[in-house]
Amino acid sequence: MLGSTRQGLACEYGTGYCPSTSTCAWLPDNPDEGLCRPRCVNGTCPSSSQICCTQPNGAPYCNSFCY
């Protein structure tokens, strides 16, 4: 169970759609796939253990590390 929670929800294939409070973090080794992560708003994340990650083809996202 822990493994699936850590992987998170995949973005919708092709569109990159994620639920309203998250954004798609595109995976650098597979440009068609990504994982839904919390949005980074004004450089801050909902969890203090997460950092704000920028990406070339999408909105900033929060994660424990940047892809």
C-alpha atoms as a PDB file:
ATOM      1  CA  MET A   1       0.000   0.000   0.000  1.00  0.00           C
ATOM      2  CA  LEU A   2       2.813   2.414   0.823  1.00  0.00           C
ATOM      3  CA  GLY A   3       4.288   2.032  -2.659  1.00  0.00           C
ATOM      4  CA  SER A   4       1.121   3.122  -4.436  1.00  0.00           C
ATOM      5  CA  THR A   5       0.724   6.123  -2.151  1.00  0.00           C
ATOM      6  CA  ARG A   6       4.269   7.229  -2.847  1.00  0.00           C
ATOM      7  CA  GLN A   7       3.810   6.965  -6.603  1.00  0.00           C
ATOM      8  CA  GLY A   8       0.659   9.055  -6.512  1.00  0.00           C
ATOM      9  CA  LEU A   9      -2.030   9.569  -9.090  1.00  0.00           C
ATOM     10  CA  ALA A  10      -0.965   9.545 -12.720  1.00  0.00           C
ATOM     11  CA  CYS A  11      -1.872  12.495 -14.923  1.00  0.00           C
ATOM     12  CA  GLU A  12      -4.418  11.779 -17.628  1.00  0.00           C
ATOM     13  CA  TYR A  13      -2.517  10.414 -20.609  1.00  0.00           C
ATOM     14  CA  GLY A  14      -2.223  12.915 -23.456  1.00  0.00           C
ATOM     15  CA  THR A  15      -3.818  15.895 -21.704  1.00  0.00           C
ATOM     16  CA  GLY A  16      -1.926  15.978 -18.403  1.00  0.00           C
ATOM     17  CA  TYR A  17      -5.180  16.571 -16.544  1.00  0.00           C
ATOM     18  CA  CYS A  18      -5.097  16.339 -12.734  1.00  0.00           C
ATOM     19  CA  PRO A  19      -7.751  17.059 -10.073  1.00  0.00           C
ATOM     20  CA  SER A  20      -8.256  20.725  -9.185  1.00  0.00           C
ATOM     21  CA  THR A  21      -5.767  21.032  -6.306  1.00  0.00           C
ATOM     22  CA  SER A  22      -2.896  19.348  -8.123  1.00  0.00           C
ATOM     23  CA  THR A  23      -0.791  19.822 -11.220  1.00  0.00           C
ATOM     24  CA  CYS A  24       0.949  17.402 -13.528  1.00  0.00           C
ATOM     25  CA  ALA A  25       4.632  16.816 -12.796  1.00  0.00           C
ATOM     26  CA  TRP A  26       5.948  15.588 -16.135  1.00  0.00           C
ATOM     27  CA  LEU A  27       8.549  12.836 -15.944  1.00  0.00           C
ATOM     28  CA  PRO A  28      11.791  13.783 -17.743  1.00  0.00           C
ATOM     29  CA  ASP A  29      12.470  10.254 -19.001  1.00  0.00           C
ATOM     30  CA  ASN A  30       8.959   9.909 -20.457  1.00  0.00           C
ATOM     31  CA  PRO A  31       7.518  13.212 -21.745  1.00  0.00           C
ATOM     32  CA  ASP A  32       4.052  11.705 -22.254  1.00  0.00           C
ATOM     33  CA  GLU A  33       3.601  10.662 -18.633  1.00  0.00           C
ATOM     34  CA  GLY A  34       3.515  12.428 -15.314  1.00  0.00           C
ATOM     35  CA  LEU A  35       2.250  12.269 -11.754  1.00  0.00           C
ATOM     36  CA  CYS A  36      -0.243  14.573 -10.078  1.00  0.00           C
ATOM     37  CA  ARG A  37       1.421  16.581  -7.335  1.00  0.00           C
ATOM     38  CA  PRO A  38       0.211  19.464  -5.126  1.00  0.00           C
ATOM     39  CA  ARG A  39       0.458  22.860  -6.772  1.00  0.00           C
ATOM     40  CA  CYS A  40       3.210  25.237  -5.764  1.00  0.00           C
ATOM     41  CA  VAL A  41       1.574  28.625  -5.126  1.00  0.00           C
ATOM     42  CA  ASN A  42       3.771  31.718  -4.815  1.00  0.00           C
ATOM     43  CA  GLY A  43       6.780  29.511  -4.132  1.00  0.00           C
ATOM     44  CA  THR A  44       5.187  27.710  -1.189  1.00  0.00           C
ATOM     45  CA  CYS A  45       3.879  24.193  -0.657  1.00  0.00           C
ATOM     46  CA  PRO A  46       1.103  22.906   1.625  1.00  0.00           C
ATOM     47  CA  SER A  47       3.579  20.626   3.398  1.00  0.00           C
ATOM     48  CA  SER A  48       6.786  22.008   4.913  1.00  0.00           C
ATOM     49  CA  SER A  49       8.588  18.777   3.998  1.00  0.00           C
ATOM     50  CA  GLN A  50       8.082  19.494   0.294  1.00  0.00           C
ATOM     51  CA  ILE A  51       9.943  21.817  -2.050  1.00  0.00           C
ATOM     52  CA  CYS A  52       8.654  23.824  -4.998  1.00  0.00           C
ATOM     53  CA  CYS A  53       9.803  22.380  -8.320  1.00  0.00           C
ATOM     54  CA  THR A  54       9.646  24.192 -11.648  1.00  0.00           C
ATOM     55  CA  GLN A  55       9.409  22.391 -14.962  1.00  0.00           C
ATOM     56  CA  PRO A  56       9.853  23.507 -18.578  1.00  0.00           C
ATOM     57  CA  ASN A  57       6.441  22.351 -19.844  1.00  0.00           C
ATOM     58  CA  GLY A  58       4.073  22.837 -16.945  1.00  0.00           C
ATOM     59  CA  ALA A  59       3.095  24.608 -13.756  1.00  0.00           C
ATOM     60  CA  PRO A  60       5.296  24.485 -10.629  1.00  0.00           C
ATOM     61  CA  TYR A  61       4.579  21.537  -8.347  1.00  0.00           C
ATOM     62  CA  CYS A  62       5.437  20.393  -4.825  1.00  0.00           C
ATOM     63  CA  ASN A  63       7.292  17.202  -4.039  1.00  0.00           C
ATOM     64  CA  SER A  64       9.988  15.835  -1.715  1.00  0.00           C
ATOM     65  CA  PHE A  65      12.363  15.997  -4.719  1.00  0.00           C
ATOM     66  CA  CYS A  66      12.229  17.364  -8.256  1.00  0.00           C
ATOM     67  CA  TYR A  67      11.991  15.009 -11.228  1.00  0.00           C
END
